[in-house]
Amino acid sequence: MGLFTHDIKTLDDLFVHTLQDIYYAEHQITKALPKMIAKATHPELKQGFETHLRQTETQIQRLEEVFRMHGHSPKAVTCPAINGIIEEANEVAGEVADKDVLDAALVASAQAVEHYEITRYGSLIAWAKQLGRDDCAGVLQQNLDEEKATDHLLTALAERQVNQRAA
């Protein structure tokens, strides 16, 4: 059945599968962020990545809470999308010699990750509400709000400084 397992028959099944997907993605992001922190040269960018790493660790805890609230044990399923986004980020960052251009590439890569997370959390919140799980939706909303805030900070930093230096 394509990207999904044969076990997805209901909206609840899709909700749990997508929860497992974002759980995997958040764990992969905690592995990728230290590498991005090490490569970043702009102090605000480095600090932003460090802050997001701490937020991501908290987001994982919230996801574990949602699993429990919904009667499931936390479990991850491989997410090819986040693997591809991170792989592409590593390839691009590995090819950039100019440090200012590297920082611009890192911002763009981080925003690709943020946008993926925003879409996942948005869908999960809508489905949780449809399933009558406003409690789960409320917890997931906290993660979505942080992802959107991080995206806005990255945009502001890119427009205010990073892209100008890269140019």
N, C-alpha and C. Protein backbone atom coordinates (compact mmCIF):
# COMPACT_ATOMS: atom_id res chain seq x y z
N MET A 1 0.82 -1.19 0.00
CA MET A 1 0.00 0.00 0.00
C MET A 1 0.87 1.26 0.00
N GLY A 2 1.88 1.26 -0.83
CA GLY A 2 2.73 2.45 -0.92
C GLY A 2 3.59 2.66 0.30
N LEU A 3 3.62 3.93 0.75
CA LEU A 3 4.45 4.30 1.90
C LEU A 3 3.87 3.81 3.22
N PHE A 4 2.57 3.51 3.24
CA PHE A 4 1.91 3.14 4.48
C PHE A 4 1.85 1.64 4.62
N THR A 5 1.80 1.18 5.86
CA THR A 5 1.68 -0.24 6.10
C THR A 5 0.26 -0.68 5.83
N HIS A 6 0.06 -1.96 5.68
CA HIS A 6 -1.27 -2.50 5.41
C HIS A 6 -2.20 -2.38 6.61
N ASP A 7 -1.68 -1.99 7.76
CA ASP A 7 -2.47 -1.89 8.97
C ASP A 7 -3.29 -0.60 9.07
N ILE A 8 -3.14 0.31 8.14
CA ILE A 8 -3.87 1.58 8.20
C ILE A 8 -5.20 1.41 7.49
N LYS A 9 -6.25 1.36 8.30
CA LYS A 9 -7.59 1.19 7.76
C LYS A 9 -8.52 2.31 8.21
N THR A 10 -8.19 2.97 9.31
CA THR A 10 -9.06 3.99 9.87
C THR A 10 -8.27 5.28 10.10
N LEU A 11 -9.00 6.35 10.36
CA LEU A 11 -8.34 7.62 10.69
C LEU A 11 -7.50 7.46 11.96
N ASP A 12 -7.97 6.68 12.90
CA ASP A 12 -7.20 6.44 14.12
C ASP A 12 -5.88 5.73 13.79
N ASP A 13 -5.93 4.75 12.89
CA ASP A 13 -4.70 4.06 12.46
C ASP A 13 -3.74 5.06 11.81
N LEU A 14 -4.28 5.94 10.98
CA LEU A 14 -3.45 6.94 10.30
C LEU A 14 -2.86 7.91 11.32
N PHE A 15 -3.64 8.30 12.30
CA PHE A 15 -3.16 9.19 13.36
C PHE A 15 -1.97 8.55 14.08
N VAL A 16 -2.11 7.29 14.48
CA VAL A 16 -1.04 6.60 15.22
C VAL A 16 0.18 6.44 14.33
N HIS A 17 -0.02 6.06 13.06
CA HIS A 17 1.12 5.90 12.15
C HIS A 17 1.88 7.23 11.99
N THR A 18 1.15 8.30 11.81
CA THR A 18 1.79 9.61 11.62
C THR A 18 2.46 10.08 12.90
N LEU A 19 1.89 9.74 14.04
CA LEU A 19 2.53 10.02 15.32
C LEU A 19 3.86 9.27 15.41
N GLN A 20 3.87 8.02 14.96
CA GLN A 20 5.11 7.24 14.95
C GLN A 20 6.13 7.83 13.97
N ASP A 21 5.64 8.34 12.86
CA ASP A 21 6.47 8.98 11.84
C ASP A 21 7.17 10.22 12.41
N ILE A 22 6.40 11.10 13.05
CA ILE A 22 7.00 12.34 13.57
C ILE A 22 7.89 12.03 14.77
N TYR A 23 7.57 10.97 15.50
CA TYR A 23 8.41 10.55 16.63
C TYR A 23 9.79 10.14 16.10
N TYR A 24 9.80 9.39 15.02
CA TYR A 24 11.06 9.01 14.37
C TYR A 24 11.79 10.27 13.88
N ALA A 25 11.03 11.14 13.21
CA ALA A 25 11.63 12.35 12.65
C ALA A 25 12.28 13.20 13.73
N GLU A 26 11.60 13.39 14.84
CA GLU A 26 12.17 14.21 15.93
C GLU A 26 13.46 13.58 16.46
N HIS A 27 13.49 12.26 16.55
CA HIS A 27 14.73 11.60 17.00
C HIS A 27 15.86 11.81 16.00
N GLN A 28 15.55 11.74 14.71
CA GLN A 28 16.57 11.97 13.69
C GLN A 28 17.08 13.41 13.75
N ILE A 29 16.18 14.33 14.04
CA ILE A 29 16.55 15.74 14.13
C ILE A 29 17.50 15.96 15.31
N THR A 30 17.28 15.25 16.42
CA THR A 30 18.20 15.40 17.56
C THR A 30 19.59 14.88 17.22
N LYS A 31 19.69 13.99 16.25
CA LYS A 31 21.00 13.50 15.81
C LYS A 31 21.64 14.47 14.82
N ALA A 32 20.81 15.14 14.01
CA ALA A 32 21.33 16.04 12.98
C ALA A 32 21.73 17.40 13.53
N LEU A 33 20.98 17.90 14.52
CA LEU A 33 21.24 19.25 15.03
C LEU A 33 22.65 19.46 15.58
N PRO A 34 23.22 18.52 16.33
CA PRO A 34 24.60 18.76 16.80
C PRO A 34 25.60 18.97 15.65
N LYS A 35 25.38 18.28 14.54
CA LYS A 35 26.25 18.46 13.37
C LYS A 35 26.05 19.85 12.78
N MET A 36 24.81 20.31 12.76
CA MET A 36 24.52 21.65 12.23
C MET A 36 25.10 22.72 13.15
N ILE A 37 25.01 22.48 14.44
CA ILE A 37 25.60 23.41 15.42
C ILE A 37 27.10 23.53 15.18
N ALA A 38 27.74 22.40 14.96
CA ALA A 38 29.19 22.38 14.75
C ALA A 38 29.59 23.11 13.46
N LYS A 39 28.75 23.03 12.43
CA LYS A 39 29.08 23.66 11.15
C LYS A 39 28.74 25.14 11.09
N ALA A 40 27.73 25.56 11.84
CA ALA A 40 27.28 26.95 11.79
C ALA A 40 28.38 27.88 12.30
N THR A 41 28.55 29.02 11.62
CA THR A 41 29.56 29.98 12.06
C THR A 41 28.93 31.25 12.63
N HIS A 42 27.72 31.57 12.17
CA HIS A 42 27.03 32.76 12.68
C HIS A 42 26.57 32.47 14.11
N PRO A 43 26.95 33.33 15.07
CA PRO A 43 26.64 33.06 16.49
C PRO A 43 25.14 32.90 16.78
N GLU A 44 24.31 33.74 16.15
CA GLU A 44 22.86 33.63 16.39
C GLU A 44 22.30 32.33 15.81
N LEU A 45 22.84 31.91 14.69
CA LEU A 45 22.39 30.67 14.07
C LEU A 45 22.77 29.48 14.94
N LYS A 46 24.00 29.50 15.40
CA LYS A 46 24.47 28.43 16.30
C LYS A 46 23.60 28.38 17.55
N GLN A 47 23.32 29.52 18.13
CA GLN A 47 22.49 29.60 19.34
C GLN A 47 21.07 29.12 19.05
N GLY A 48 20.54 29.50 17.89
CA GLY A 48 19.20 29.06 17.50
C GLY A 48 19.10 27.55 17.36
N PHE A 49 20.14 26.94 16.78
CA PHE A 49 20.16 25.48 16.65
C PHE A 49 20.25 24.82 18.03
N GLU A 50 21.03 25.41 18.92
CA GLU A 50 21.15 24.85 20.28
C GLU A 50 19.80 24.92 21.00
N THR A 51 19.11 26.04 20.85
CA THR A 51 17.78 26.19 21.46
C THR A 51 16.82 25.17 20.86
N HIS A 52 16.87 25.01 19.55
CA HIS A 52 15.95 24.08 18.91
C HIS A 52 16.24 22.63 19.31
N LEU A 53 17.49 22.31 19.57
CA LEU A 53 17.82 20.96 20.04
C LEU A 53 17.13 20.70 21.38
N ARG A 54 17.19 21.66 22.28
CA ARG A 54 16.52 21.50 23.59
C ARG A 54 15.00 21.41 23.40
N GLN A 55 14.46 22.22 22.50
CA GLN A 55 13.03 22.16 22.23
C GLN A 55 12.63 20.80 21.66
N THR A 56 13.45 20.29 20.77
CA THR A 56 13.15 19.00 20.14
C THR A 56 13.12 17.89 21.17
N GLU A 57 14.03 17.94 22.13
CA GLU A 57 14.02 16.94 23.20
C GLU A 57 12.72 17.02 24.00
N THR A 58 12.24 18.23 24.26
CA THR A 58 10.96 18.41 24.95
C THR A 58 9.81 17.95 24.07
N GLN A 59 9.89 18.21 22.78
CA GLN A 59 8.84 17.78 21.86
C GLN A 59 8.71 16.26 21.83
N ILE A 60 9.83 15.57 21.92
CA ILE A 60 9.82 14.10 21.98
C ILE A 60 9.07 13.65 23.24
N GLN A 61 9.33 14.32 24.35
CA GLN A 61 8.62 13.97 25.59
C GLN A 61 7.11 14.20 25.43
N ARG A 62 6.73 15.28 24.76
CA ARG A 62 5.30 15.54 24.53
C ARG A 62 4.70 14.46 23.64
N LEU A 63 5.43 14.04 22.61
CA LEU A 63 4.93 12.98 21.75
C LEU A 63 4.72 11.69 22.55
N GLU A 64 5.64 11.40 23.44
CA GLU A 64 5.49 10.22 24.29
C GLU A 64 4.24 10.35 25.16
N GLU A 65 3.97 11.55 25.62
CA GLU A 65 2.75 11.80 26.40
C GLU A 65 1.51 11.55 25.54
N VAL A 66 1.52 12.00 24.29
CA VAL A 66 0.38 11.80 23.40
C VAL A 66 0.18 10.30 23.14
N PHE A 67 1.26 9.57 22.90
CA PHE A 67 1.15 8.11 22.73
C PHE A 67 0.41 7.51 23.93
N ARG A 68 0.86 7.85 25.13
CA ARG A 68 0.25 7.28 26.35
C ARG A 68 -1.21 7.72 26.48
N MET A 69 -1.48 8.99 26.23
CA MET A 69 -2.86 9.49 26.32
C MET A 69 -3.77 8.73 25.36
N HIS A 70 -3.23 8.34 24.23
CA HIS A 70 -4.01 7.67 23.20
C HIS A 70 -3.98 6.14 23.35
N GLY A 71 -3.33 5.65 24.42
CA GLY A 71 -3.33 4.22 24.71
C GLY A 71 -2.30 3.41 23.96
N HIS A 72 -1.21 4.04 23.56
CA HIS A 72 -0.15 3.35 22.82
C HIS A 72 1.20 3.58 23.48
N SER A 73 2.09 2.64 23.26
CA SER A 73 3.47 2.83 23.70
C SER A 73 4.20 3.64 22.62
N PRO A 74 5.10 4.53 23.03
CA PRO A 74 5.87 5.28 22.03
C PRO A 74 6.64 4.33 21.12
N LYS A 75 6.51 4.54 19.84
CA LYS A 75 7.17 3.70 18.85
C LYS A 75 7.42 4.53 17.60
N ALA A 76 8.54 4.32 16.98
CA ALA A 76 8.88 5.05 15.76
C ALA A 76 8.74 4.14 14.55
N VAL A 77 8.33 4.73 13.43
CA VAL A 77 8.41 4.06 12.13
C VAL A 77 9.29 4.92 11.24
N THR A 78 10.08 4.28 10.44
CA THR A 78 11.01 5.01 9.58
C THR A 78 10.26 6.01 8.71
N CYS A 79 10.81 7.20 8.67
CA CYS A 79 10.23 8.29 7.89
C CYS A 79 11.19 8.62 6.74
N PRO A 80 10.92 8.10 5.54
CA PRO A 80 11.80 8.38 4.41
C PRO A 80 11.92 9.87 4.10
N ALA A 81 10.86 10.63 4.36
CA ALA A 81 10.88 12.07 4.05
C ALA A 81 11.95 12.78 4.87
N ILE A 82 11.95 12.59 6.18
CA ILE A 82 12.94 13.30 7.01
C ILE A 82 14.34 12.79 6.72
N ASN A 83 14.46 11.50 6.43
CA ASN A 83 15.78 10.96 6.07
C ASN A 83 16.30 11.66 4.82
N GLY A 84 15.43 11.88 3.84
CA GLY A 84 15.84 12.56 2.61
C GLY A 84 16.20 14.01 2.84
N ILE A 85 15.40 14.70 3.66
CA ILE A 85 15.68 16.11 3.95
C ILE A 85 17.03 16.25 4.66
N ILE A 86 17.29 15.38 5.62
CA ILE A 86 18.55 15.45 6.36
C ILE A 86 19.72 15.05 5.47
N GLU A 87 19.53 14.04 4.63
CA GLU A 87 20.58 13.61 3.71
C GLU A 87 20.95 14.75 2.75
N GLU A 88 19.93 15.40 2.22
CA GLU A 88 20.18 16.52 1.32
C GLU A 88 20.92 17.65 2.04
N ALA A 89 20.52 17.94 3.27
CA ALA A 89 21.18 18.99 4.05
C ALA A 89 22.66 18.66 4.25
N ASN A 90 22.95 17.40 4.55
CA ASN A 90 24.35 16.99 4.74
C ASN A 90 25.15 17.12 3.46
N GLU A 91 24.54 16.76 2.34
CA GLU A 91 25.23 16.86 1.05
C GLU A 91 25.52 18.31 0.70
N VAL A 92 24.53 19.16 0.85
CA VAL A 92 24.72 20.58 0.51
C VAL A 92 25.76 21.21 1.41
N ALA A 93 25.67 20.96 2.71
CA ALA A 93 26.61 21.55 3.66
C ALA A 93 28.03 21.03 3.42
N GLY A 94 28.14 19.82 2.94
CA GLY A 94 29.46 19.25 2.68
C GLY A 94 30.12 19.83 1.45
N GLU A 95 29.35 20.50 0.60
CA GLU A 95 29.87 21.03 -0.66
C GLU A 95 30.17 22.53 -0.61
N VAL A 96 29.89 23.19 0.50
CA VAL A 96 30.02 24.65 0.58
C VAL A 96 31.29 25.01 1.34
N ALA A 97 32.19 25.70 0.67
CA ALA A 97 33.44 26.09 1.32
C ALA A 97 33.32 27.45 2.01
N ASP A 98 32.60 28.38 1.41
CA ASP A 98 32.44 29.73 1.97
C ASP A 98 31.54 29.63 3.20
N LYS A 99 32.05 30.08 4.34
CA LYS A 99 31.33 29.94 5.61
C LYS A 99 30.02 30.73 5.64
N ASP A 100 29.97 31.87 5.02
CA ASP A 100 28.74 32.65 4.98
C ASP A 100 27.67 31.96 4.13
N VAL A 101 28.11 31.39 3.01
CA VAL A 101 27.19 30.65 2.16
C VAL A 101 26.75 29.37 2.87
N LEU A 102 27.67 28.76 3.61
CA LEU A 102 27.33 27.57 4.39
C LEU A 102 26.22 27.89 5.40
N ASP A 103 26.34 29.02 6.08
CA ASP A 103 25.29 29.40 7.04
C ASP A 103 23.94 29.58 6.34
N ALA A 104 23.95 30.17 5.14
CA ALA A 104 22.70 30.33 4.39
C ALA A 104 22.13 28.96 4.01
N ALA A 105 22.99 28.04 3.64
CA ALA A 105 22.55 26.68 3.30
C ALA A 105 21.98 25.98 4.53
N LEU A 106 22.61 26.19 5.68
CA LEU A 106 22.12 25.58 6.91
C LEU A 106 20.74 26.11 7.30
N VAL A 107 20.54 27.40 7.12
CA VAL A 107 19.23 27.99 7.40
C VAL A 107 18.18 27.36 6.49
N ALA A 108 18.48 27.28 5.21
CA ALA A 108 17.52 26.70 4.26
C ALA A 108 17.21 25.24 4.60
N SER A 109 18.23 24.50 4.96
CA SER A 109 18.03 23.10 5.33
C SER A 109 17.19 22.98 6.60
N ALA A 110 17.47 23.83 7.57
CA ALA A 110 16.70 23.81 8.82
C ALA A 110 15.25 24.17 8.55
N GLN A 111 15.01 25.09 7.63
CA GLN A 111 13.63 25.46 7.31
C GLN A 111 12.91 24.33 6.58
N ALA A 112 13.60 23.56 5.77
CA ALA A 112 12.97 22.41 5.13
C ALA A 112 12.49 21.42 6.20
N VAL A 113 13.31 21.23 7.22
CA VAL A 113 12.92 20.36 8.34
C VAL A 113 11.71 20.95 9.06
N GLU A 114 11.76 22.23 9.35
CA GLU A 114 10.66 22.89 10.06
C GLU A 114 9.35 22.76 9.29
N HIS A 115 9.41 22.97 8.00
CA HIS A 115 8.20 22.92 7.19
C HIS A 115 7.61 21.51 7.18
N TYR A 116 8.46 20.51 7.14
CA TYR A 116 7.98 19.12 7.22
C TYR A 116 7.29 18.90 8.56
N GLU A 117 7.92 19.34 9.63
CA GLU A 117 7.32 19.15 10.96
C GLU A 117 6.00 19.91 11.08
N ILE A 118 5.95 21.11 10.54
CA ILE A 118 4.72 21.90 10.60
C ILE A 118 3.57 21.16 9.90
N THR A 119 3.84 20.57 8.75
CA THR A 119 2.77 19.84 8.04
C THR A 119 2.32 18.62 8.84
N ARG A 120 3.26 17.91 9.42
CA ARG A 120 2.91 16.72 10.20
C ARG A 120 2.08 17.09 11.43
N TYR A 121 2.54 18.09 12.17
CA TYR A 121 1.80 18.47 13.37
C TYR A 121 0.43 19.04 13.03
N GLY A 122 0.33 19.79 11.95
CA GLY A 122 -0.96 20.32 11.54
C GLY A 122 -1.96 19.20 11.24
N SER A 123 -1.51 18.19 10.51
CA SER A 123 -2.38 17.05 10.21
C SER A 123 -2.76 16.30 11.48
N LEU A 124 -1.79 16.05 12.34
CA LEU A 124 -2.07 15.32 13.58
C LEU A 124 -3.08 16.05 14.45
N ILE A 125 -2.97 17.36 14.53
CA ILE A 125 -3.90 18.15 15.34
C ILE A 125 -5.31 18.05 14.76
N ALA A 126 -5.43 18.20 13.44
CA ALA A 126 -6.75 18.11 12.79
C ALA A 126 -7.36 16.73 13.02
N TRP A 127 -6.56 15.69 12.88
CA TRP A 127 -7.08 14.33 13.06
C TRP A 127 -7.44 14.06 14.51
N ALA A 128 -6.60 14.55 15.44
CA ALA A 128 -6.91 14.35 16.86
C ALA A 128 -8.26 14.99 17.20
N LYS A 129 -8.50 16.18 16.69
CA LYS A 129 -9.78 16.85 16.94
C LYS A 129 -10.93 16.05 16.32
N GLN A 130 -10.74 15.57 15.11
CA GLN A 130 -11.77 14.78 14.44
C GLN A 130 -12.08 13.50 15.22
N LEU A 131 -11.06 12.95 15.86
CA LEU A 131 -11.22 11.72 16.65
C LEU A 131 -11.74 12.01 18.06
N GLY A 132 -12.01 13.29 18.36
CA GLY A 132 -12.50 13.64 19.69
C GLY A 132 -11.41 13.67 20.74
N ARG A 133 -10.17 13.83 20.29
CA ARG A 133 -9.03 13.83 21.21
C ARG A 133 -8.44 15.24 21.30
N ASP A 134 -9.25 16.16 21.82
CA ASP A 134 -8.77 17.52 22.01
C ASP A 134 -7.60 17.57 22.98
N ASP A 135 -7.54 16.61 23.91
CA ASP A 135 -6.43 16.55 24.85
C ASP A 135 -5.11 16.31 24.10
N CYS A 136 -5.13 15.37 23.16
CA CYS A 136 -3.93 15.11 22.34
C CYS A 136 -3.62 16.30 21.45
N ALA A 137 -4.67 16.89 20.87
CA ALA A 137 -4.48 18.05 19.99
C ALA A 137 -3.80 19.20 20.74
N GLY A 138 -4.18 19.41 22.00
CA GLY A 138 -3.59 20.49 22.79
C GLY A 138 -2.10 20.30 23.02
N VAL A 139 -1.70 19.07 23.27
CA VAL A 139 -0.28 18.79 23.48
C VAL A 139 0.48 18.95 22.16
N LEU A 140 -0.09 18.43 21.09
CA LEU A 140 0.55 18.56 19.78
C LEU A 140 0.64 20.02 19.32
N GLN A 141 -0.33 20.82 19.72
CA GLN A 141 -0.33 22.25 19.37
C GLN A 141 0.90 22.95 19.94
N GLN A 142 1.34 22.54 21.11
CA GLN A 142 2.54 23.14 21.70
C GLN A 142 3.74 22.91 20.79
N ASN A 143 3.87 21.68 20.25
CA ASN A 143 4.96 21.39 19.33
C ASN A 143 4.84 22.21 18.06
N LEU A 144 3.63 22.29 17.52
CA LEU A 144 3.42 23.07 16.30
C LEU A 144 3.78 24.54 16.51
N ASP A 145 3.37 25.09 17.63
CA ASP A 145 3.69 26.49 17.91
C ASP A 145 5.19 26.73 17.96
N GLU A 146 5.93 25.79 18.57
CA GLU A 146 7.39 25.93 18.63
C GLU A 146 8.01 25.81 17.24
N GLU A 147 7.50 24.90 16.43
CA GLU A 147 8.05 24.73 15.07
C GLU A 147 7.83 26.00 14.25
N LYS A 148 6.64 26.57 14.35
CA LYS A 148 6.36 27.80 13.61
C LYS A 148 7.23 28.95 14.11
N ALA A 149 7.42 29.04 15.42
CA ALA A 149 8.28 30.10 15.98
C ALA A 149 9.71 29.95 15.49
N THR A 150 10.21 28.72 15.45
CA THR A 150 11.57 28.48 14.97
C THR A 150 11.69 28.87 13.50
N ASP A 151 10.69 28.52 12.71
CA ASP A 151 10.70 28.89 11.30
C ASP A 151 10.73 30.41 11.13
N HIS A 152 9.94 31.12 11.91
CA HIS A 152 9.93 32.60 11.84
C HIS A 152 11.28 33.18 12.25
N LEU A 153 11.90 32.62 13.28
CA LEU A 153 13.22 33.09 13.71
C LEU A 153 14.27 32.86 12.62
N LEU A 154 14.21 31.69 11.99
CA LEU A 154 15.16 31.40 10.92
C LEU A 154 14.97 32.35 9.74
N THR A 155 13.73 32.62 9.40
CA THR A 155 13.46 33.57 8.31
C THR A 155 14.01 34.94 8.64
N ALA A 156 13.74 35.41 9.84
CA ALA A 156 14.22 36.74 10.25
C ALA A 156 15.74 36.80 10.23
N LEU A 157 16.39 35.78 10.75
CA LEU A 157 17.85 35.76 10.78
C LEU A 157 18.41 35.74 9.36
N ALA A 158 17.81 34.94 8.50
CA ALA A 158 18.29 34.87 7.11
C ALA A 158 18.14 36.22 6.42
N GLU A 159 16.96 36.82 6.56
CA GLU A 159 16.70 38.09 5.87
C GLU A 159 17.51 39.24 6.45
N ARG A 160 17.72 39.21 7.75
CA ARG A 160 18.40 40.32 8.42
C ARG A 160 19.92 40.26 8.27
N GLN A 161 20.49 39.04 8.27
CA GLN A 161 21.95 38.96 8.27
C GLN A 161 22.55 37.89 7.39
N VAL A 162 22.11 36.66 7.55
CA VAL A 162 22.82 35.51 6.94
C VAL A 162 22.85 35.61 5.42
N ASN A 163 21.71 35.88 4.80
CA ASN A 163 21.70 35.95 3.34
C ASN A 163 22.52 37.12 2.81
N GLN A 164 22.51 38.26 3.55
CA GLN A 164 23.30 39.42 3.14
C GLN A 164 24.77 39.10 3.17
N ARG A 165 25.22 38.41 4.22
CA ARG A 165 26.63 38.02 4.29
C ARG A 165 27.01 37.06 3.18
N ALA A 166 26.09 36.14 2.87
CA ALA A 166 26.35 35.15 1.83
C ALA A 166 26.46 35.80 0.44
N ALA A 167 25.71 36.89 0.25
CA ALA A 167 25.72 37.57 -1.05
C ALA A 167 27.03 38.31 -1.25
